[in-house]
Amino acid sequence: MSEYGPPDGVDVRTPVPDEVWRRLLGQEARDALPSQTPAWRDAVCTHGWQDASRLYIWGDNGGDAVQILVPLVRSGTGRAAEYASWPVGWGVGGVVAAPEAVTAARAGAVLRDLASLPARRIYLRPPPASTALWDGLVPPDAVRNPRMTQVLDLREGLDHLWRRRFHANVRNAVRRAERAGLTIEQDATGRLIPDFYRLFELSIDRWAEQSDESDVEVRRRVREKNPQSKFAAVARHLGPDCHVWLARRAGEHGEPVAALLALHRGPHVVYWQAAMDKAPAARTKAATYLLYLLIEDACARGARSLHMGDTYPGTSVTTFKEAFGPDAYHTAGYWIPGSAASAADAVPVRKEGITTP
């Protein structure tokens, strides 16, 4: 059981009104990711979670208030309650604040407050750039959920990436895809979500066959965490900031062979999910081509970075992304015991073919 308590000298407000959240995003936390917005919280809350966002206010710095917002949701009540920022599979939550606001002292106060919540556990997934700070502050009884996050710097533009970052096999694959006569669609209305999910189901079957666990268990777990309604909710709540890219094979019927979901916010683009029909996608290099087109589009929009999601070192997904030349960051999420925790609430960390944050 946690020995922490709520922070002293800090005003804690919950839940956080949308107007306060948006004002913080617009004025101080302009580099926040798409998954750190009220729209993303609304998508999470369509899947059995309730808004429990918390705003921490310090009246220091010469009288000027310092604010840190923790996107947070709750599931269950009483002894069975669980909090998450965000649930595993829903990407980065962490904190929303001006970068200079997140000092070690303030982050420690946030952790003490979270650990005092009446719950079995709290899952916190900070942004990749702040992993070192949180690593040094989480309580010793927290369980670390390691990740490797790949981020591609877009500031030098597409030509620089093509010549200096992309591996030769990416350039060759793009040329091959252009000769394959693929039909490419891009949509931001959610219309293509059913096509994406049909390909995602094929990917689930492939991951299950590759796993050393029971294929039935892998299929059940991944489908439970990633139902079609999840992707439809994100498309609905993010609206024009959620793009589906789809590649169809050449010919009269034009069956889908690969798809990806991309999220946009300000200078950041997130390569969130991808799926394919492996055999035709391999012949046409459709998956590589869609990611190339996403990068081309992001550069044209003036984006600074492409967040390519989470993987584990040595997996085929990691190797695929590495060919585009991203920088790799060792990151983590943390299961923090709440005030209602017991030894039975320890969380095993499981690798399951991660493709996203």
Protein backbone atom coordinates (compact mmCIF):
# COMPACT_ATOMS: atom_id res chain seq x y z
CA MET A 1 0.00 0.00 0.00
CA SER A 2 1.27 3.48 -0.86
CA GLU A 3 2.54 5.73 1.94
CA TYR A 4 2.19 8.83 -0.19
CA GLY A 5 -0.44 11.50 0.36
CA PRO A 6 -1.79 14.50 -1.53
CA PRO A 7 0.71 17.34 -2.09
CA ASP A 8 0.86 20.30 0.29
CA GLY A 9 0.44 23.82 -1.03
CA VAL A 10 -1.07 22.70 -4.32
CA ASP A 11 -4.60 23.39 -5.50
CA VAL A 12 -5.94 20.22 -7.18
CA ARG A 13 -9.07 20.46 -9.33
CA THR A 14 -10.93 17.62 -11.04
CA PRO A 15 -12.25 17.09 -13.62
CA VAL A 16 -10.66 19.75 -15.79
CA PRO A 17 -13.12 21.82 -17.86
CA ASP A 18 -12.51 21.67 -21.61
CA GLU A 19 -11.98 25.42 -21.86
CA VAL A 20 -9.18 25.28 -19.27
CA TRP A 21 -7.59 22.30 -21.05
CA ARG A 22 -7.74 24.01 -24.45
CA ARG A 23 -6.38 27.28 -23.06
CA LEU A 24 -3.40 25.45 -21.59
CA LEU A 25 -2.80 23.66 -24.90
CA GLY A 26 -2.99 26.91 -26.82
CA GLN A 27 -0.87 29.09 -24.55
CA GLU A 28 1.72 26.97 -22.77
CA ALA A 29 1.69 23.39 -24.07
CA ARG A 30 1.76 23.96 -27.81
CA ASP A 31 3.93 20.88 -28.36
CA ALA A 32 1.37 18.50 -26.88
CA LEU A 33 0.55 15.42 -28.93
CA PRO A 34 -2.89 14.59 -30.39
CA SER A 35 -3.39 12.06 -27.59
CA GLN A 36 -3.13 14.83 -24.97
CA THR A 37 -6.29 16.67 -26.02
CA PRO A 38 -9.87 16.71 -24.72
CA ALA A 39 -10.98 15.10 -28.00
CA TRP A 40 -8.76 12.10 -27.29
CA ARG A 41 -10.12 11.86 -23.74
CA ASP A 42 -13.64 11.80 -25.21
CA ALA A 43 -12.64 8.88 -27.45
CA VAL A 44 -11.18 6.97 -24.47
CA CYS A 45 -14.37 7.61 -22.49
CA THR A 46 -16.48 5.85 -25.12
CA HIS A 47 -14.86 2.58 -23.96
CA GLY A 48 -15.88 2.23 -20.34
CA TRP A 49 -13.71 4.95 -18.77
CA GLN A 50 -14.77 8.16 -17.01
CA ASP A 51 -13.08 11.55 -17.07
CA ALA A 52 -10.89 11.99 -13.97
CA SER A 53 -8.47 14.63 -15.33
CA ARG A 54 -6.62 16.62 -12.69
CA LEU A 55 -5.27 20.17 -12.72
CA TYR A 56 -2.47 21.09 -10.31
CA ILE A 57 -2.01 24.79 -9.57
CA TRP A 58 0.94 26.34 -7.76
CA GLY A 59 0.65 30.00 -6.82
CA ASP A 60 4.42 30.54 -6.86
CA ASN A 61 6.79 32.22 -9.30
CA GLY A 62 6.17 35.71 -7.97
CA GLY A 63 2.43 35.22 -7.68
CA ASP A 64 1.90 33.84 -11.20
CA ALA A 65 0.10 30.51 -11.16
CA VAL A 66 1.90 27.47 -12.55
CA GLN A 67 -0.40 24.79 -13.93
CA ILE A 68 0.15 21.13 -14.77
CA LEU A 69 -2.69 19.08 -16.20
CA VAL A 70 -2.77 15.29 -16.04
CA PRO A 71 -5.11 13.71 -18.62
CA LEU A 72 -6.67 10.94 -16.55
CA VAL A 73 -9.58 8.50 -16.72
CA ARG A 74 -11.07 6.11 -14.19
CA SER A 75 -12.61 2.66 -14.50
CA GLY A 76 -14.50 0.88 -11.76
CA THR A 77 -15.26 2.00 -8.23
CA GLY A 78 -14.05 1.31 -4.72
CA ARG A 79 -11.45 -1.42 -4.30
CA ALA A 80 -11.61 -2.30 -8.02
CA ALA A 81 -11.00 1.25 -9.27
CA GLU A 82 -8.18 1.90 -11.72
CA TYR A 83 -6.88 5.18 -13.12
CA ALA A 84 -4.90 5.66 -16.32
CA SER A 85 -3.20 8.37 -18.32
CA TRP A 86 -3.94 6.73 -20.68
CA PRO A 87 -4.96 3.04 -20.60
CA VAL A 88 -2.38 0.77 -22.25
CA GLY A 89 -2.94 0.92 -26.00
CA TRP A 90 -4.24 4.50 -25.93
CA GLY A 91 -0.91 6.25 -26.24
CA VAL A 92 0.76 9.10 -24.39
CA GLY A 93 -1.10 10.94 -21.64
CA GLY A 94 1.35 12.06 -18.99
CA VAL A 95 1.20 15.76 -18.29
CA VAL A 96 0.16 18.83 -20.26
CA ALA A 97 2.11 21.92 -19.26
CA ALA A 98 4.71 24.45 -20.30
CA PRO A 99 8.04 22.57 -20.46
CA GLU A 100 9.62 24.74 -17.76
CA ALA A 101 6.71 24.03 -15.39
CA VAL A 102 7.50 20.33 -15.03
CA THR A 103 10.29 20.46 -12.45
CA ALA A 104 11.32 17.48 -10.35
CA ALA A 105 9.59 18.97 -7.30
CA ARG A 106 6.30 19.50 -9.12
CA ALA A 107 6.42 16.13 -10.86
CA GLY A 108 7.04 14.52 -7.46
CA ALA A 109 3.98 16.31 -6.05
CA VAL A 110 1.88 15.00 -8.93
CA LEU A 111 3.09 11.44 -8.31
CA ARG A 112 2.30 11.69 -4.59
CA ASP A 113 -1.21 12.83 -5.37
CA LEU A 114 -1.78 10.08 -7.95
CA ALA A 115 -0.51 7.43 -5.52
CA SER A 116 -3.00 8.64 -2.91
CA LEU A 117 -6.01 7.97 -5.15
CA PRO A 118 -8.43 5.29 -3.84
CA ALA A 119 -7.52 2.71 -6.47
CA ARG A 120 -5.57 -0.48 -7.01
CA ARG A 121 -3.23 1.15 -9.47
CA ILE A 122 -2.65 4.16 -11.68
CA TYR A 123 -1.03 3.88 -15.10
CA LEU A 124 1.00 6.91 -16.19
CA ARG A 125 2.52 7.17 -19.68
CA PRO A 126 4.56 10.39 -19.95
CA PRO A 127 5.77 11.83 -23.27
CA PRO A 128 9.05 10.27 -24.51
CA ALA A 129 11.16 13.38 -23.97
CA SER A 130 10.47 13.41 -20.20
CA THR A 131 11.16 9.72 -19.45
CA ALA A 132 14.39 10.42 -17.58
CA LEU A 133 12.63 12.79 -15.19
CA TRP A 134 9.82 10.37 -14.32
CA ASP A 135 12.17 7.39 -14.12
CA GLY A 136 13.96 9.07 -11.24
CA LEU A 137 10.80 9.99 -9.35
CA VAL A 138 8.32 7.10 -9.54
CA PRO A 139 7.94 5.23 -6.24
CA PRO A 140 10.10 2.11 -5.80
CA ASP A 141 7.04 -0.17 -5.81
CA ALA A 142 5.92 1.06 -9.25
CA VAL A 143 6.11 -1.41 -12.15
CA ARG A 144 7.94 -0.11 -15.22
CA ASN A 145 6.47 -0.94 -18.64
CA PRO A 146 9.41 -0.42 -21.05
CA ARG A 147 8.95 0.87 -24.58
CA MET A 148 11.13 2.02 -27.45
CA THR A 149 9.69 5.05 -29.23
CA GLN A 150 10.86 6.07 -32.70
CA VAL A 151 10.59 9.70 -33.81
CA LEU A 152 11.54 11.04 -37.25
CA ASP A 153 12.77 14.65 -37.43
CA LEU A 154 11.10 16.32 -40.43
CA ARG A 155 12.61 19.79 -40.17
CA GLU A 156 15.14 19.34 -42.99
CA GLY A 157 12.40 18.40 -45.45
CA LEU A 158 11.59 15.44 -47.67
CA ASP A 159 14.58 15.75 -49.99
CA HIS A 160 16.99 15.58 -47.03
CA LEU A 161 15.13 12.56 -45.62
CA TRP A 162 15.20 10.80 -48.99
CA ARG A 163 18.94 11.32 -49.46
CA ARG A 164 20.26 11.16 -45.88
CA ARG A 165 17.77 9.27 -43.70
CA PHE A 166 15.89 6.70 -45.76
CA HIS A 167 17.70 3.40 -46.31
CA ALA A 168 18.18 2.27 -49.89
CA ASN A 169 15.52 -0.42 -49.47
CA VAL A 170 12.94 2.28 -48.67
CA ARG A 171 13.83 4.24 -51.79
CA ASN A 172 13.68 1.08 -53.89
CA ALA A 173 10.34 0.09 -52.35
CA VAL A 174 8.83 3.49 -53.12
CA ARG A 175 9.91 3.21 -56.76
CA ARG A 176 8.48 -0.32 -56.96
CA ALA A 177 5.18 0.79 -55.43
CA GLU A 178 4.89 3.64 -57.91
CA ARG A 179 5.18 1.10 -60.74
CA ALA A 180 2.61 -1.22 -59.15
CA GLY A 181 -0.31 1.01 -60.06
CA LEU A 182 -1.74 1.22 -56.55
CA THR A 183 -4.75 3.41 -55.92
CA ILE A 184 -4.26 5.61 -52.84
CA GLU A 185 -7.08 7.12 -50.80
CA GLN A 186 -6.80 9.57 -47.93
CA ASP A 187 -9.83 10.38 -45.79
CA ALA A 188 -10.51 12.35 -42.61
CA THR A 189 -14.21 11.55 -42.13
CA GLY A 190 -13.96 7.99 -40.76
CA ARG A 191 -15.36 6.52 -43.99
CA LEU A 192 -12.37 4.20 -44.44
CA ILE A 193 -12.30 2.83 -40.88
CA PRO A 194 -14.15 -0.41 -41.86
CA ASP A 195 -11.62 -1.03 -44.67
CA PHE A 196 -8.77 -0.37 -42.24
CA TYR A 197 -10.21 -2.76 -39.67
CA ARG A 198 -10.62 -5.62 -42.14
CA LEU A 199 -6.89 -5.36 -42.77
CA PHE A 200 -6.26 -5.01 -39.03
CA GLU A 201 -8.04 -8.32 -38.45
CA LEU A 202 -5.64 -9.98 -40.90
CA SER A 203 -2.74 -8.44 -38.99
CA ILE A 204 -4.10 -9.82 -35.70
CA ASP A 205 -4.14 -13.31 -37.20
CA ARG A 206 -0.54 -12.87 -38.34
CA TRP A 207 0.62 -11.66 -34.91
CA ALA A 208 -1.14 -14.62 -33.27
CA GLU A 209 0.65 -17.09 -35.53
CA GLN A 210 4.02 -15.48 -34.76
CA SER A 211 3.53 -15.39 -30.98
CA ASP A 212 4.86 -18.03 -28.61
CA GLU A 213 1.59 -17.77 -26.67
CA SER A 214 -1.74 -19.42 -27.47
CA ASP A 215 -3.01 -17.95 -30.73
CA VAL A 216 -6.54 -17.91 -29.30
CA GLU A 217 -5.38 -15.88 -26.30
CA VAL A 218 -3.42 -13.41 -28.44
CA ARG A 219 -6.40 -12.84 -30.74
CA ARG A 220 -8.73 -12.36 -27.78
CA ARG A 221 -6.43 -9.91 -26.02
CA VAL A 222 -5.59 -7.78 -29.05
CA ARG A 223 -9.21 -7.61 -30.25
CA GLU A 224 -10.37 -6.72 -26.75
CA LYS A 225 -7.88 -3.86 -26.60
CA ASN A 226 -8.43 -2.75 -30.20
CA PRO A 227 -12.08 -3.15 -31.27
CA GLN A 228 -13.23 -1.40 -34.42
CA SER A 229 -15.25 0.96 -32.23
CA LYS A 230 -11.99 2.31 -30.78
CA PHE A 231 -10.73 3.50 -34.15
CA ALA A 232 -14.17 4.78 -35.11
CA ALA A 233 -14.33 6.79 -31.87
CA VAL A 234 -10.94 8.40 -32.52
CA ALA A 235 -11.96 9.29 -36.07
CA ARG A 236 -15.24 10.74 -34.82
CA HIS A 237 -13.82 12.81 -31.96
CA LEU A 238 -10.61 14.01 -33.65
CA GLY A 239 -12.42 14.73 -36.91
CA PRO A 240 -10.07 16.29 -39.49
CA ASP A 241 -7.06 15.54 -37.25
CA CYS A 242 -7.43 11.77 -37.84
CA HIS A 243 -6.48 10.63 -41.35
CA VAL A 244 -6.87 7.14 -42.82
CA TRP A 245 -4.56 6.27 -45.70
CA LEU A 246 -5.53 3.25 -47.80
CA ALA A 247 -3.74 1.50 -50.68
CA ARG A 248 -5.79 -0.61 -53.07
CA ARG A 249 -4.34 -3.03 -55.58
CA ALA A 250 -4.58 -2.22 -59.28
CA GLY A 251 -7.48 -3.65 -61.23
CA GLU A 252 -11.22 -3.52 -61.49
CA HIS A 253 -12.06 -4.46 -57.91
CA GLY A 254 -9.20 -2.68 -56.18
CA GLU A 255 -9.08 -4.69 -52.96
CA PRO A 256 -7.39 -2.93 -50.01
CA VAL A 257 -3.86 -4.20 -49.33
CA ALA A 258 -2.51 -1.77 -46.70
CA ALA A 259 -3.73 1.07 -44.51
CA LEU A 260 -2.52 3.39 -41.78
CA LEU A 261 -4.06 5.83 -39.31
CA ALA A 262 -2.31 9.17 -38.75
CA LEU A 263 -3.04 11.79 -36.09
CA HIS A 264 -2.24 15.48 -36.45
CA ARG A 265 -1.74 18.31 -34.00
CA GLY A 266 0.30 21.43 -34.69
CA PRO A 267 3.90 20.52 -35.55
CA HIS A 268 3.46 16.83 -34.72
CA VAL A 269 2.12 13.89 -36.73
CA VAL A 270 1.61 10.48 -35.17
CA TYR A 271 1.84 7.27 -37.20
CA TRP A 272 -0.68 5.63 -34.91
CA GLN A 273 -1.77 2.30 -36.39
CA ALA A 274 -1.06 0.27 -39.52
CA ALA A 275 -2.39 -2.94 -41.04
CA MET A 276 -1.99 -4.95 -44.23
CA ASP A 277 -2.80 -8.04 -46.22
CA LYS A 278 0.74 -9.33 -46.12
CA ALA A 279 1.15 -11.17 -49.45
CA PRO A 280 -0.14 -8.46 -51.83
CA ALA A 281 1.35 -5.73 -49.66
CA ALA A 282 4.76 -7.39 -49.88
CA ARG A 283 4.54 -7.67 -53.68
CA THR A 284 3.56 -4.02 -54.14
CA LYS A 285 5.47 -2.54 -51.17
CA ALA A 286 2.21 -0.83 -50.24
CA ALA A 287 2.96 -0.47 -46.51
CA THR A 288 6.28 1.25 -47.16
CA TYR A 289 4.68 3.47 -49.79
CA LEU A 290 1.87 4.62 -47.48
CA LEU A 291 4.34 5.60 -44.77
CA TYR A 292 6.42 7.45 -47.37
CA LEU A 293 3.30 9.32 -48.56
CA LEU A 294 2.44 10.22 -44.96
CA ILE A 295 5.95 11.65 -44.49
CA GLU A 296 5.67 13.55 -47.77
CA ASP A 297 2.33 15.00 -46.67
CA ALA A 298 3.64 15.90 -43.19
CA CYS A 299 6.62 17.74 -44.67
CA ALA A 300 4.32 19.62 -47.04
CA ARG A 301 2.22 20.70 -44.03
CA GLY A 302 5.32 22.02 -42.24
CA ALA A 303 5.29 19.41 -39.49
CA ARG A 304 8.45 19.12 -37.37
CA SER A 305 8.24 15.51 -36.29
CA LEU A 306 6.64 12.18 -37.04
CA HIS A 307 6.07 10.04 -33.96
CA MET A 308 6.24 6.46 -35.20
CA GLY A 309 4.90 4.78 -32.09
CA ASP A 310 6.23 2.12 -29.76
CA THR A 311 8.03 -1.11 -30.47
CA TYR A 312 10.44 -3.50 -28.80
CA PRO A 313 14.06 -3.71 -30.03
CA GLY A 314 14.70 -6.50 -32.51
CA THR A 315 11.12 -6.96 -33.76
CA SER A 316 10.13 -6.85 -37.43
CA VAL A 317 8.04 -3.72 -36.78
CA THR A 318 11.08 -1.96 -35.31
CA THR A 319 13.21 -2.95 -38.29
CA PHE A 320 10.56 -1.68 -40.73
CA LYS A 321 10.47 1.73 -39.06
CA GLU A 322 14.25 1.94 -38.63
CA ALA A 323 14.62 1.94 -42.43
CA PHE A 324 13.12 5.45 -42.49
CA GLY A 325 15.87 6.79 -40.23
CA PRO A 326 14.07 7.82 -37.02
CA ASP A 327 15.78 8.47 -33.72
CA ALA A 328 15.02 5.88 -31.03
CA TYR A 329 14.13 6.74 -27.44
CA HIS A 330 13.89 4.29 -24.57
CA THR A 331 10.66 5.25 -22.84
CA ALA A 332 8.25 3.74 -20.35
CA GLY A 333 4.85 3.72 -18.78
CA TYR A 334 4.43 3.17 -15.03
CA TRP A 335 1.90 1.23 -12.98
CA ILE A 336 1.84 3.09 -9.67
CA PRO A 337 0.17 1.39 -6.68
CA GLY A 338 -2.78 3.39 -5.37
CA SER A 339 -3.95 3.67 -1.78
CA ALA A 340 -6.11 0.53 -2.20
CA ALA A 341 -3.30 -1.60 -3.65
CA SER A 342 -2.23 -5.00 -2.39
CA ALA A 343 0.48 -7.47 -3.38
CA ALA A 344 -2.05 -9.25 -5.60
CA ASP A 345 -2.25 -6.17 -7.85
CA ALA A 346 1.27 -6.54 -9.29
CA VAL A 347 1.12 -6.11 -13.08
CA PRO A 348 3.04 -8.49 -15.37
CA VAL A 349 4.64 -6.82 -18.39
CA ARG A 350 3.84 -8.66 -21.63
CA LYS A 351 5.19 -8.17 -25.15
CA GLU A 352 2.43 -8.57 -27.70
CA GLY A 353 3.52 -7.32 -31.11
CA ILE A 354 3.36 -3.62 -30.27
CA THR A 355 2.91 -1.31 -33.24
CA THR A 356 1.70 1.84 -31.52
CA PRO A 357 2.16 3.98 -28.45
